[in-house]
C-alpha atoms as a PDB file:
ATOM      1  CA  MET A   1      14.830   9.466  -6.160  1.00  0.00           C
ATOM      2  CA  LYS A   2      14.591   8.616  -2.436  1.00  0.00           C
ATOM      3  CA  THR A   3      13.710   4.954  -2.176  1.00  0.00           C
ATOM      4  CA  ILE A   4      13.106   4.603   1.604  1.00  0.00           C
ATOM      5  CA  PHE A   5      10.299   6.147   3.630  1.00  0.00           C
ATOM      6  CA  GLY A   6       8.753   5.779   7.052  1.00  0.00           C
ATOM      7  CA  PRO A   7       8.460   3.655   9.030  1.00  0.00           C
ATOM      8  CA  VAL A   8       4.830   3.803   8.008  1.00  0.00           C
ATOM      9  CA  PRO A   9       2.277   3.231  10.799  1.00  0.00           C
ATOM     10  CA  SER A  10       0.744   0.113   9.299  1.00  0.00           C
ATOM     11  CA  ARG A  11      -2.447  -1.313  10.805  1.00  0.00           C
ATOM     12  CA  ARG A  12      -1.376  -4.831   9.830  1.00  0.00           C
ATOM     13  CA  LEU A  13       2.437  -4.790   9.925  1.00  0.00           C
ATOM     14  CA  GLY A  14       3.444  -2.454  12.754  1.00  0.00           C
ATOM     15  CA  ARG A  15       6.425  -0.207  11.928  1.00  0.00           C
ATOM     16  CA  SER A  16       6.752  -0.867   8.221  1.00  0.00           C
ATOM     17  CA  LEU A  17       9.814   0.636   6.552  1.00  0.00           C
ATOM     18  CA  GLY A  18       8.719   1.339   3.005  1.00  0.00           C
ATOM     19  CA  ILE A  19      10.792   0.588  -0.074  1.00  0.00           C
ATOM     20  CA  ASP A  20       9.552   2.683  -2.981  1.00  0.00           C
ATOM     21  CA  VAL A  21      11.033   2.017  -6.416  1.00  0.00           C
ATOM     22  CA  ILE A  22       8.173   3.538  -8.457  1.00  0.00           C
ATOM     23  CA  PRO A  23       7.889   7.235  -9.407  1.00  0.00           C
ATOM     24  CA  PRO A  24       4.675   8.766  -8.079  1.00  0.00           C
ATOM     25  CA  LYS A  25       2.004   8.193  -9.207  1.00  0.00           C
ATOM     26  CA  THR A  26       2.788   5.395 -11.668  1.00  0.00           C
ATOM     27  CA  CYS A  27       0.342   2.499 -11.461  1.00  0.00           C
ATOM     28  CA  SER A  28      -1.661  -0.015 -13.458  1.00  0.00           C
ATOM     29  CA  TYR A  29      -4.817   1.071 -11.572  1.00  0.00           C
ATOM     30  CA  ASP A  30      -6.372   4.407 -10.633  1.00  0.00           C
ATOM     31  CA  CYS A  31      -8.407   3.191  -7.644  1.00  0.00           C
ATOM     32  CA  LEU A  32     -11.138   5.387  -6.243  1.00  0.00           C
ATOM     33  CA  TYR A  33      -9.916   4.779  -2.705  1.00  0.00           C
ATOM     34  CA  CYS A  34      -6.154   5.231  -3.156  1.00  0.00           C
ATOM     35  CA  GLU A  35      -4.668   7.211  -0.293  1.00  0.00           C
ATOM     36  CA  SER A  36      -1.737   8.281  -2.514  1.00  0.00           C
ATOM     37  CA  GLY A  37      -3.987  10.307  -4.827  1.00  0.00           C
ATOM     38  CA  ARG A  38      -4.887  10.045  -8.488  1.00  0.00           C
ATOM     39  CA  THR A  39      -2.715   8.021 -10.866  1.00  0.00           C
ATOM     40  CA  THR A  40      -0.865  10.362 -13.211  1.00  0.00           C
ATOM     41  CA  ARG A  41       0.746   7.642 -15.329  1.00  0.00           C
ATOM     42  CA  LEU A  42      -1.539   4.673 -15.953  1.00  0.00           C
ATOM     43  CA  THR A  43       0.670   1.925 -17.387  1.00  0.00           C
ATOM     44  CA  THR A  44       1.551  -1.772 -17.424  1.00  0.00           C
ATOM     45  CA  GLU A  45       5.105  -1.217 -18.734  1.00  0.00           C
ATOM     46  CA  ARG A  46       7.771  -2.529 -16.346  1.00  0.00           C
ATOM     47  CA  MET A  47      10.928  -0.428 -16.052  1.00  0.00           C
ATOM     48  CA  ALA A  48      14.095  -0.105 -13.935  1.00  0.00           C
ATOM     49  CA  PHE A  49      13.219   3.250 -12.435  1.00  0.00           C
ATOM     50  CA  VAL A  50      16.167   3.160  -9.996  1.00  0.00           C
ATOM     51  CA  SER A  51      19.173   0.876  -9.577  1.00  0.00           C
ATOM     52  CA  PRO A  52      19.045  -1.908  -6.950  1.00  0.00           C
ATOM     53  CA  SER A  53      22.374  -0.627  -5.555  1.00  0.00           C
ATOM     54  CA  LYS A  54      20.750   2.740  -4.790  1.00  0.00           C
ATOM     55  CA  VAL A  55      18.054   0.992  -2.742  1.00  0.00           C
ATOM     56  CA  LEU A  56      20.647  -0.942  -0.723  1.00  0.00           C
ATOM     57  CA  GLU A  57      22.592   2.283  -0.149  1.00  0.00           C
ATOM     58  CA  ASP A  58      19.463   3.998   1.184  1.00  0.00           C
ATOM     59  CA  LEU A  59      18.613   1.032   3.434  1.00  0.00           C
ATOM     60  CA  ASN A  60      22.118   0.876   4.891  1.00  0.00           C
ATOM     61  CA  ASP A  61      22.087   4.616   5.516  1.00  0.00           C
ATOM     62  CA  TYR A  62      18.711   4.410   7.251  1.00  0.00           C
ATOM     63  CA  PHE A  63      19.683   1.607   9.631  1.00  0.00           C
ATOM     64  CA  GLU A  64      22.987   3.318  10.406  1.00  0.00           C
ATOM     65  CA  HIS A  65      20.992   6.279  11.751  1.00  0.00           C
ATOM     66  CA  TYR A  66      17.946   4.392  13.121  1.00  0.00           C
ATOM     67  CA  PRO A  67      18.985   0.876  14.179  1.00  0.00           C
ATOM     68  CA  GLY A  68      16.087  -1.314  15.238  1.00  0.00           C
ATOM     69  CA  ALA A  69      13.511   1.244  14.123  1.00  0.00           C
ATOM     70  CA  ALA A  70      11.498  -1.036  11.805  1.00  0.00           C
ATOM     71  CA  ASP A  71       9.576  -4.280  12.268  1.00  0.00           C
ATOM     72  CA  VAL A  72       9.358  -5.240   8.585  1.00  0.00           C
ATOM     73  CA  LEU A  73      10.548  -4.129   5.164  1.00  0.00           C
ATOM     74  CA  THR A  74       7.700  -3.541   2.763  1.00  0.00           C
ATOM     75  CA  PHE A  75       7.700  -2.983  -0.970  1.00  0.00           C
ATOM     76  CA  SER A  76       4.954  -0.412  -1.102  1.00  0.00           C
ATOM     77  CA  SER A  77       4.733   2.868  -2.879  1.00  0.00           C
ATOM     78  CA  ALA A  78       2.602   5.571  -4.380  1.00  0.00           C
ATOM     79  CA  GLY A  79       2.304   3.197  -7.354  1.00  0.00           C
ATOM     80  CA  GLU A  80       2.445  -0.523  -8.173  1.00  0.00           C
ATOM     81  CA  PRO A  81       5.703  -2.239  -7.030  1.00  0.00           C
ATOM     82  CA  THR A  82       5.607  -4.996  -9.654  1.00  0.00           C
ATOM     83  CA  LEU A  83       6.106  -2.343 -12.353  1.00  0.00           C
ATOM     84  CA  TYR A  84       9.742  -2.320 -11.179  1.00  0.00           C
ATOM     85  CA  GLU A  85      11.488  -4.572 -13.697  1.00  0.00           C
ATOM     86  CA  PRO A  86      14.451  -5.784 -11.537  1.00  0.00           C
ATOM     87  CA  LEU A  87      12.179  -6.545  -8.558  1.00  0.00           C
ATOM     88  CA  GLY A  88      13.328 -10.155  -8.220  1.00  0.00           C
ATOM     89  CA  GLU A  89      17.002  -9.159  -8.178  1.00  0.00           C
ATOM     90  CA  LEU A  90      16.359  -6.474  -5.577  1.00  0.00           C
ATOM     91  CA  ILE A  91      14.368  -8.803  -3.309  1.00  0.00           C
ATOM     92  CA  GLN A  92      17.267 -11.284  -3.306  1.00  0.00           C
ATOM     93  CA  LEU A  93      19.772  -8.536  -2.459  1.00  0.00           C
ATOM     94  CA  VAL A  94      17.645  -7.127   0.365  1.00  0.00           C
ATOM     95  CA  LYS A  95      17.044 -10.584   1.855  1.00  0.00           C
ATOM     96  CA  LYS A  96      20.790 -11.260   1.843  1.00  0.00           C
ATOM     97  CA  GLN A  97      21.612  -7.889   3.437  1.00  0.00           C
ATOM     98  CA  PHE A  98      18.824  -7.888   6.058  1.00  0.00           C
ATOM     99  CA  PRO A  99      17.938 -11.549   6.683  1.00  0.00           C
ATOM    100  CA  SER A 100      16.331 -10.948  10.100  1.00  0.00           C
ATOM    101  CA  LEU A 101      13.648  -8.573   8.810  1.00  0.00           C
ATOM    102  CA  PRO A 102      10.545 -10.024   7.118  1.00  0.00           C
ATOM    103  CA  LEU A 103      10.199  -8.756   3.559  1.00  0.00           C
ATOM    104  CA  ILE A 104       6.666  -8.121   2.357  1.00  0.00           C
ATOM    105  CA  VAL A 105       5.322  -7.052  -1.030  1.00  0.00           C
ATOM    106  CA  LEU A 106       1.992  -5.230  -1.235  1.00  0.00           C
ATOM    107  CA  THR A 107       0.652  -5.440  -4.784  1.00  0.00           C
ATOM    108  CA  ASN A 108      -2.602  -4.884  -6.610  1.00  0.00           C
ATOM    109  CA  GLY A 109      -1.960  -8.241  -8.308  1.00  0.00           C
ATOM    110  CA  SER A 110      -2.626  -6.863 -11.764  1.00  0.00           C
ATOM    111  CA  LEU A 111       0.546  -8.291 -13.327  1.00  0.00           C
ATOM    112  CA  LEU A 112       0.622 -11.769 -11.757  1.00  0.00           C
ATOM    113  CA  TRP A 113      -0.474 -13.242 -15.092  1.00  0.00           C
ATOM    114  CA  LYS A 114       3.081 -12.526 -16.263  1.00  0.00           C
ATOM    115  CA  PRO A 115       5.416 -15.466 -15.411  1.00  0.00           C
ATOM    116  CA  GLU A 116       8.361 -13.114 -14.866  1.00  0.00           C
ATOM    117  CA  VAL A 117       6.408 -11.143 -12.256  1.00  0.00           C
ATOM    118  CA  ARG A 118       5.403 -14.286 -10.370  1.00  0.00           C
ATOM    119  CA  HIS A 119       9.028 -15.494 -10.410  1.00  0.00           C
ATOM    120  CA  ALA A 120      10.260 -12.125  -9.087  1.00  0.00           C
ATOM    121  CA  LEU A 121       8.119 -12.483  -5.951  1.00  0.00           C
ATOM    122  CA  LEU A 122       9.063 -16.036  -4.980  1.00  0.00           C
ATOM    123  CA  MET A 123      11.705 -15.047  -2.396  1.00  0.00           C
ATOM    124  CA  ALA A 124       9.471 -12.590  -0.515  1.00  0.00           C
ATOM    125  CA  ASP A 125       8.377 -13.723   2.953  1.00  0.00           C
ATOM    126  CA  ARG A 126       4.837 -12.540   2.383  1.00  0.00           C
ATOM    127  CA  VAL A 127       2.962 -11.303  -0.671  1.00  0.00           C
ATOM    128  CA  VAL A 128      -0.321  -9.421  -0.286  1.00  0.00           C
ATOM    129  CA  PRO A 129      -2.225  -9.022  -3.574  1.00  0.00           C
ATOM    130  CA  SER A 130      -5.570  -7.240  -3.706  1.00  0.00           C
ATOM    131  CA  VAL A 131      -8.841  -8.689  -4.933  1.00  0.00           C
ATOM    132  CA  ASP A 132     -11.454  -5.943  -4.748  1.00  0.00           C
ATOM    133  CA  ALA A 133     -13.929  -7.284  -7.287  1.00  0.00           C
ATOM    134  CA  VAL A 134     -14.711 -10.284  -9.467  1.00  0.00           C
ATOM    135  CA  SER A 135     -17.462  -8.719 -11.583  1.00  0.00           C
ATOM    136  CA  ASP A 136     -15.965  -6.815 -14.487  1.00  0.00           C
ATOM    137  CA  ALA A 137     -18.282  -3.809 -14.042  1.00  0.00           C
ATOM    138  CA  VAL A 138     -17.379  -3.406 -10.357  1.00  0.00           C
ATOM    139  CA  PHE A 139     -13.688  -3.943 -11.091  1.00  0.00           C
ATOM    140  CA  ARG A 140     -13.615  -1.211 -13.738  1.00  0.00           C
ATOM    141  CA  ARG A 141     -15.635   1.241 -11.675  1.00  0.00           C
ATOM    142  CA  LEU A 142     -13.662   0.699  -8.461  1.00  0.00           C
ATOM    143  CA  ASN A 143     -10.079   0.028  -9.630  1.00  0.00           C
ATOM    144  CA  ARG A 144     -10.193   1.990 -12.915  1.00  0.00           C
ATOM    145  CA  PRO A 145      -7.521  -0.242 -14.506  1.00  0.00           C
ATOM    146  CA  HIS A 146      -5.291   0.309 -17.519  1.00  0.00           C
ATOM    147  CA  PRO A 147      -7.454  -0.457 -20.588  1.00  0.00           C
ATOM    148  CA  GLY A 148      -5.212  -3.368 -21.579  1.00  0.00           C
ATOM    149  CA  LEU A 149      -5.969  -5.316 -18.377  1.00  0.00           C
ATOM    150  CA  ASP A 150      -8.571  -8.086 -18.121  1.00  0.00           C
ATOM    151  CA  ASN A 151      -9.809  -9.035 -14.656  1.00  0.00           C
ATOM    152  CA  THR A 152     -10.363 -12.684 -15.615  1.00  0.00           C
ATOM    153  CA  VAL A 153      -6.718 -12.949 -16.684  1.00  0.00           C
ATOM    154  CA  ILE A 154      -5.598 -11.162 -13.516  1.00  0.00           C
ATOM    155  CA  LEU A 155      -7.506 -13.589 -11.273  1.00  0.00           C
ATOM    156  CA  GLU A 156      -6.088 -16.590 -13.115  1.00  0.00           C
ATOM    157  CA  GLY A 157      -2.631 -15.110 -12.615  1.00  0.00           C
ATOM    158  CA  LEU A 158      -3.227 -15.062  -8.865  1.00  0.00           C
ATOM    159  CA  ARG A 159      -4.256 -18.726  -8.938  1.00  0.00           C
ATOM    160  CA  ALA A 160      -1.049 -19.544 -10.818  1.00  0.00           C
ATOM    161  CA  PHE A 161       1.013 -17.627  -8.261  1.00  0.00           C
ATOM    162  CA  ARG A 162      -0.559 -19.571  -5.407  1.00  0.00           C
ATOM    163  CA  ARG A 163       0.582 -22.816  -7.041  1.00  0.00           C
ATOM    164  CA  GLU A 164       4.175 -21.588  -7.395  1.00  0.00           C
ATOM    165  CA  TYR A 165       4.701 -19.583  -4.196  1.00  0.00           C
ATOM    166  CA  SER A 166       5.720 -21.249  -0.924  1.00  0.00           C
ATOM    167  CA  GLY A 167       5.699 -18.130   1.266  1.00  0.00           C
ATOM    168  CA  ARG A 168       2.810 -16.542   3.154  1.00  0.00           C
ATOM    169  CA  LEU A 169       0.026 -15.420   0.837  1.00  0.00           C
ATOM    170  CA  HIS A 170      -2.488 -12.941   2.205  1.00  0.00           C
ATOM    171  CA  ILE A 171      -5.283 -11.590   0.016  1.00  0.00           C
ATOM    172  CA  GLU A 172      -6.506  -8.093   0.775  1.00  0.00           C
ATOM    173  CA  VAL A 173     -10.079  -7.082  -0.028  1.00  0.00           C
ATOM    174  CA  MET A 174     -10.642  -3.322   0.136  1.00  0.00           C
ATOM    175  CA  LEU A 175     -14.333  -2.762   0.795  1.00  0.00           C
ATOM    176  CA  VAL A 176     -15.899   0.473  -0.436  1.00  0.00           C
ATOM    177  CA  SER A 177     -19.409   1.521   0.493  1.00  0.00           C
ATOM    178  CA  GLY A 178     -21.932   1.101  -2.317  1.00  0.00           C
ATOM    179  CA  LEU A 179     -19.497  -0.593  -4.700  1.00  0.00           C
ATOM    180  CA  ASN A 180     -18.188  -4.027  -3.713  1.00  0.00           C
ATOM    181  CA  ASP A 181     -19.997  -4.536  -0.397  1.00  0.00           C
ATOM    182  CA  THR A 182     -23.176  -6.010  -1.879  1.00  0.00           C
ATOM    183  CA  ASP A 183     -24.038  -9.604  -0.997  1.00  0.00           C
ATOM    184  CA  GLU A 184     -23.779 -10.553  -4.682  1.00  0.00           C
ATOM    185  CA  GLU A 185     -20.239  -9.208  -5.105  1.00  0.00           C
ATOM    186  CA  LEU A 186     -19.082 -10.468  -1.722  1.00  0.00           C
ATOM    187  CA  GLU A 187     -20.282 -13.953  -2.644  1.00  0.00           C
ATOM    188  CA  LYS A 188     -18.268 -13.828  -5.891  1.00  0.00           C
ATOM    189  CA  ILE A 189     -15.143 -12.544  -4.147  1.00  0.00           C
ATOM    190  CA  SER A 190     -15.502 -15.194  -1.449  1.00  0.00           C
ATOM    191  CA  ARG A 191     -15.815 -18.032  -3.974  1.00  0.00           C
ATOM    192  CA  PHE A 192     -12.709 -16.870  -5.792  1.00  0.00           C
ATOM    193  CA  VAL A 193     -10.690 -16.369  -2.599  1.00  0.00           C
ATOM    194  CA  ASN A 194     -11.670 -19.832  -1.342  1.00  0.00           C
ATOM    195  CA  SER A 195     -10.456 -21.343  -4.614  1.00  0.00           C
ATOM    196  CA  VAL A 196      -7.018 -19.762  -4.082  1.00  0.00           C
ATOM    197  CA  GLU A 197      -6.734 -20.918  -0.455  1.00  0.00           C
ATOM    198  CA  PRO A 198      -4.589 -18.050   0.906  1.00  0.00           C
ATOM    199  CA  ASP A 199      -3.074 -18.186   4.369  1.00  0.00           C
ATOM    200  CA  HIS A 200      -5.174 -15.192   5.406  1.00  0.00           C
ATOM    201  CA  VAL A 201      -7.823 -12.862   4.032  1.00  0.00           C
ATOM    202  CA  GLU A 202      -7.408  -9.242   5.110  1.00  0.00           C
ATOM    203  CA  LEU A 203     -10.610  -7.210   4.995  1.00  0.00           C
ATOM    204  CA  ASN A 204      -9.819  -3.535   4.770  1.00  0.00           C
ATOM    205  CA  THR A 205     -11.828  -0.391   4.174  1.00  0.00           C
ATOM    206  CA  VAL A 206     -11.285   3.303   3.453  1.00  0.00           C
ATOM    207  CA  VAL A 207      -9.985   5.086   6.556  1.00  0.00           C
ATOM    208  CA  ARG A 208      -7.615   7.705   5.089  1.00  0.00           C
ATOM    209  CA  PRO A 209      -8.367  10.509   2.617  1.00  0.00           C
ATOM    210  CA  PRO A 210      -8.992   8.769  -0.745  1.00  0.00           C
ATOM    211  CA  SER A 211      -8.197   9.995  -4.239  1.00  0.00           C
ATOM    212  CA  GLU A 212     -11.904  10.632  -4.848  1.00  0.00           C
ATOM    213  CA  PRO A 213     -13.373  12.562  -1.900  1.00  0.00           C
ATOM    214  CA  GLU A 214     -16.849  11.027  -2.191  1.00  0.00           C
ATOM    215  CA  THR A 215     -15.461   7.516  -1.602  1.00  0.00           C
ATOM    216  CA  ARG A 216     -16.531   6.099   1.751  1.00  0.00           C
ATOM    217  CA  GLY A 217     -15.498   3.159   3.889  1.00  0.00           C
ATOM    218  CA  LEU A 218     -17.643   0.786   5.933  1.00  0.00           C
ATOM    219  CA  SER A 219     -18.520   0.934   9.603  1.00  0.00           C
ATOM    220  CA  ARG A 220     -17.088  -1.638  11.984  1.00  0.00           C
ATOM    221  CA  GLU A 221     -20.533  -3.264  12.225  1.00  0.00           C
ATOM    222  CA  ARG A 222     -20.808  -3.518   8.447  1.00  0.00           C
ATOM    223  CA  MET A 223     -17.265  -4.931   8.206  1.00  0.00           C
ATOM    224  CA  GLU A 224     -18.231  -7.635  10.694  1.00  0.00           C
ATOM    225  CA  LYS A 225     -21.212  -8.587   8.540  1.00  0.00           C
ATOM    226  CA  CYS A 226     -19.069  -8.693   5.403  1.00  0.00           C
ATOM    227  CA  SER A 227     -16.522 -10.914   7.157  1.00  0.00           C
ATOM    228  CA  ARG A 228     -19.153 -13.667   7.435  1.00  0.00           C
ATOM    229  CA  PHE A 229     -18.718 -14.349   3.731  1.00  0.00           C
ATOM    230  CA  PHE A 230     -15.134 -15.490   4.382  1.00  0.00           C
ATOM    231  CA  PRO A 231     -13.624 -18.328   6.450  1.00  0.00           C
ATOM    232  CA  SER A 232     -13.631 -17.185  10.082  1.00  0.00           C
ATOM    233  CA  ALA A 233     -10.408 -19.013  10.982  1.00  0.00           C
ATOM    234  CA  THR A 234      -8.296 -17.189   8.402  1.00  0.00           C
ATOM    235  CA  THR A 235     -10.069 -13.838   7.945  1.00  0.00           C
ATOM    236  CA  LEU A 236      -8.802 -10.678   9.618  1.00  0.00           C
ATOM    237  CA  ILE A 237     -10.474  -7.292   9.857  1.00  0.00           C
ATOM    238  CA  ILE A 238      -7.559  -4.888   9.832  1.00  0.00           C
ATOM    239  CA  GLY A 239      -7.383  -3.032  13.144  1.00  0.00           C
ATOM    240  CA  SER A 240      -5.692   0.132  14.359  1.00  0.00           C
ATOM    241  CA  PHE A 241      -1.967   0.782  14.511  1.00  0.00           C
ATOM    242  CA  ASN A 242      -0.399   0.709  17.967  1.00  0.00           C
ATOM    243  CA  GLY A 243       3.190   1.918  17.856  1.00  0.00           C
ATOM    244  CA  LEU A 244       5.888   2.566  20.405  1.00  0.00           C
ATOM    245  CA  CYS A 245       6.815   6.163  21.136  1.00  0.00           C
ATOM    246  CA  THR A 246      10.359   6.449  22.482  1.00  0.00           C
ATOM    247  CA  GLY A 247      10.255  10.193  23.026  1.00  0.00           C
ATOM    248  CA  ASN A 248      13.672  10.626  21.367  1.00  0.00           C
ATOM    249  CA  GLU A 249      14.374  13.907  19.628  1.00  0.00           C
ATOM    250  CA  ASP A 250      15.128  13.629  15.924  1.00  0.00           C
ATOM    251  CA  PRO A 251      16.891  16.512  14.144  1.00  0.00           C
ATOM    252  CA  ASP A 252      15.875  15.029  10.781  1.00  0.00           C
ATOM    253  CA  LEU A 253      12.207  14.742  11.735  1.00  0.00           C
ATOM    254  CA  GLY A 254      10.874  17.298   9.253  1.00  0.00           C
ATOM    255  CA  ARG A 255      12.315  15.488   6.249  1.00  0.00           C
ATOM    256  CA  ARG A 256      11.079  12.119   7.527  1.00  0.00           C
ATOM    257  CA  VAL A 257       7.574  13.508   7.987  1.00  0.00           C
ATOM    258  CA  LEU A 258       7.515  14.857   4.438  1.00  0.00           C
ATOM    259  CA  THR A 259       8.694  11.593   2.868  1.00  0.00           C
ATOM    260  CA  LEU A 260       6.068   9.705   4.870  1.00  0.00           C
ATOM    261  CA  VAL A 261       3.021  11.824   4.060  1.00  0.00           C
ATOM    262  CA  GLU A 262       3.997  12.014   0.379  1.00  0.00           C
ATOM    263  CA  ARG A 263       3.052   8.313   0.249  1.00  0.00           C
ATOM    264  CA  ARG A 264       0.287   8.123   2.837  1.00  0.00           C
ATOM    265  CA  PRO A 265      -1.803  10.677   4.764  1.00  0.00           C
ATOM    266  CA  CYS A 266      -1.227  10.158   8.503  1.00  0.00           C
ATOM    267  CA  SER A 267      -2.514  11.534  11.764  1.00  0.00           C
ATOM    268  CA  ILE A 268      -0.064  13.225  14.118  1.00  0.00           C
ATOM    269  CA  GLY A 269      -0.445  10.402  16.635  1.00  0.00           C
ATOM    270  CA  GLU A 270       0.331   7.740  14.017  1.00  0.00           C
ATOM    271  CA  MET A 271       3.448   9.559  12.849  1.00  0.00           C
ATOM    272  CA  ALA A 272       4.719  10.108  16.385  1.00  0.00           C
ATOM    273  CA  ALA A 273       4.360   6.403  17.194  1.00  0.00           C
ATOM    274  CA  ALA A 274       5.830   5.182  13.904  1.00  0.00           C
ATOM    275  CA  LEU A 275       8.791   7.584  13.868  1.00  0.00           C
ATOM    276  CA  GLY A 276       9.552   7.142  17.583  1.00  0.00           C
ATOM    277  CA  VAL A 277       9.109  10.697  18.854  1.00  0.00           C
ATOM    278  CA  SER A 278       6.787  12.358  21.343  1.00  0.00           C
ATOM    279  CA  LYS A 279       3.468  13.780  20.188  1.00  0.00           C
ATOM    280  CA  THR A 280       4.658  17.206  21.380  1.00  0.00           C
ATOM    281  CA  GLU A 281       7.716  17.039  19.153  1.00  0.00           C
ATOM    282  CA  MET A 282       5.598  15.842  16.238  1.00  0.00           C
ATOM    283  CA  ASP A 283       3.146  18.725  16.783  1.00  0.00           C
ATOM    284  CA  ARG A 284       6.056  21.176  16.620  1.00  0.00           C
ATOM    285  CA  ALA A 285       7.459  19.612  13.453  1.00  0.00           C
ATOM    286  CA  VAL A 286       4.116  19.634  11.662  1.00  0.00           C
ATOM    287  CA  LEU A 287       3.386  23.222  12.700  1.00  0.00           C
ATOM    288  CA  SER A 288       6.779  24.343  11.394  1.00  0.00           C
ATOM    289  CA  LEU A 289       6.199  22.602   8.048  1.00  0.00           C
ATOM    290  CA  GLU A 290       2.709  24.115   7.834  1.00  0.00           C
ATOM    291  CA  ARG A 291       4.154  27.598   8.292  1.00  0.00           C
ATOM    292  CA  GLU A 292       6.457  26.884   5.350  1.00  0.00           C
ATOM    293  CA  ASN A 293       3.396  25.777   3.296  1.00  0.00           C
ATOM    294  CA  ARG A 294       4.855  22.269   2.948  1.00  0.00           C
ATOM    295  CA  LEU A 295       1.995  20.486   4.696  1.00  0.00           C
ATOM    296  CA  THR A 296      -1.741  20.828   5.073  1.00  0.00           C
ATOM    297  CA  ARG A 297      -4.395  19.164   7.231  1.00  0.00           C
ATOM    298  CA  TYR A 298      -7.289  17.146   5.849  1.00  0.00           C
ATOM    299  CA  LEU A 299     -10.336  16.102   7.868  1.00  0.00           C
ATOM    300  CA  TYR A 300     -11.703  12.706   6.821  1.00  0.00           C
ATOM    301  CA  ASN A 301     -14.120  10.523   8.806  1.00  0.00           C
ATOM    302  CA  ASP A 302     -13.736  13.004  11.681  1.00  0.00           C
ATOM    303  CA  ILE A 303      -9.994  12.304  11.887  1.00  0.00           C
ATOM    304  CA  GLU A 304      -7.406  14.960  11.070  1.00  0.00           C
ATOM    305  CA  TYR A 305      -4.737  13.766   8.645  1.00  0.00           C
ATOM    306  CA  VAL A 306      -1.567  15.507   7.531  1.00  0.00           C
ATOM    307  CA  CYS A 307      -0.915  15.636   3.771  1.00  0.00           C
ATOM    308  CA  PRO A 308       1.240  17.567   1.295  1.00  0.00           C
ATOM    309  CA  PRO A 309      -0.504  20.709  -0.015  1.00  0.00           C
ATOM    310  CA  THR A 310      -0.664  19.112  -3.478  1.00  0.00           C
ATOM    311  CA  ARG A 311      -2.615  16.166  -2.017  1.00  0.00           C
ATOM    312  CA  THR A 312      -5.836  18.198  -1.953  1.00  0.00           C
ATOM    313  CA  PRO A 313      -8.237  16.251  -4.225  1.00  0.00           C
ATOM    314  CA  CYS A 314      -8.465  17.593  -7.781  1.00  0.00           C
ATOM    315  CA  PRO A 315     -11.248  15.540  -9.443  1.00  0.00           C
ATOM    316  CA  ASP A 316     -10.931  17.460 -12.727  1.00  0.00           C
ATOM    317  CA  GLU A 317      -7.261  16.563 -13.207  1.00  0.00           C
ATOM    318  CA  PRO A 318      -7.121  13.615 -15.684  1.00  0.00           C
ATOM    319  CA  ALA A 319      -4.611  10.786 -15.508  1.00  0.00           C
ATOM    320  CA  THR A 320      -2.375  10.297 -18.537  1.00  0.00           C
ATOM    321  CA  ARG A 321      -2.449   6.849 -20.094  1.00  0.00           C
ATOM    322  CA  ASP A 322      -0.077   4.900 -22.178  1.00  0.00           C
ATOM    323  CA  ARG A 323      -1.446   2.047 -24.240  1.00  0.00           C
ATOM    324  CA  THR A 324       1.035  -0.689 -23.339  1.00  0.00           C
ATOM    325  CA  PRO A 325      -0.916  -3.959 -23.383  1.00  0.00           C
END
């Protein structure tokens, strides 16, 4: 299992080197908007899917070949990072090995009601849990959670984490057209978020190909209107990624492209900027992988994204579920 991917062209973090300790697509949610595709194992069971030493080995190998090529280290994956049982141990090891790089955990927040999960995250520099809905009906329709999860318990877990955590807490709200962008739901989300008092609120929307092709994001104008429900001083509407292209040739570019788009559909321009190569070189790499039937292109919101061939939406393919409470 390869545990490092990217850097990912992140609209909020810059060049984000991903740490992925979860087999795809293992998650506690099966969100309509997920850019990693449908969840194939819906679970709340935490496991040690890979050893912490393997992650450190992969990180050391990456920085030996690409020194200075990442702005942050981010626990992010095609699933939910807090399902990794030795997460706290691994965070401590990574912080000791790479103290100059901010370490960020992106989580859906579904397991923060567990004390051991909250404790595991305490050494992270920033934690970004999601709050997409407060109403149970919207939560279940939008996030499609494991049946053993209760949104009221999840939200209380986030409040408890805020009391215990001294790092930077950002709450992400993923807005989806026709689902959680009503005034009624926005008012509920806003009241909850205000009660938690995060350092920032990050308003996001669907911009990449989602797991369900009919899912749509909001326009910039609509996002601006939604932002008025949240404190102006601490609310951010996530912008576009602006990376630095060095123009260096990379003999390992094809493999890096594949590991990146397995987690997140990207445009050619985004990948070129994030991986530090020219757009011409990226065009050549993508074309070569297309000829080998290892990549495909996907038009979404009038933007062409590059995805694995298996990423083509398959709405009739059900997710398997375990019943771990």
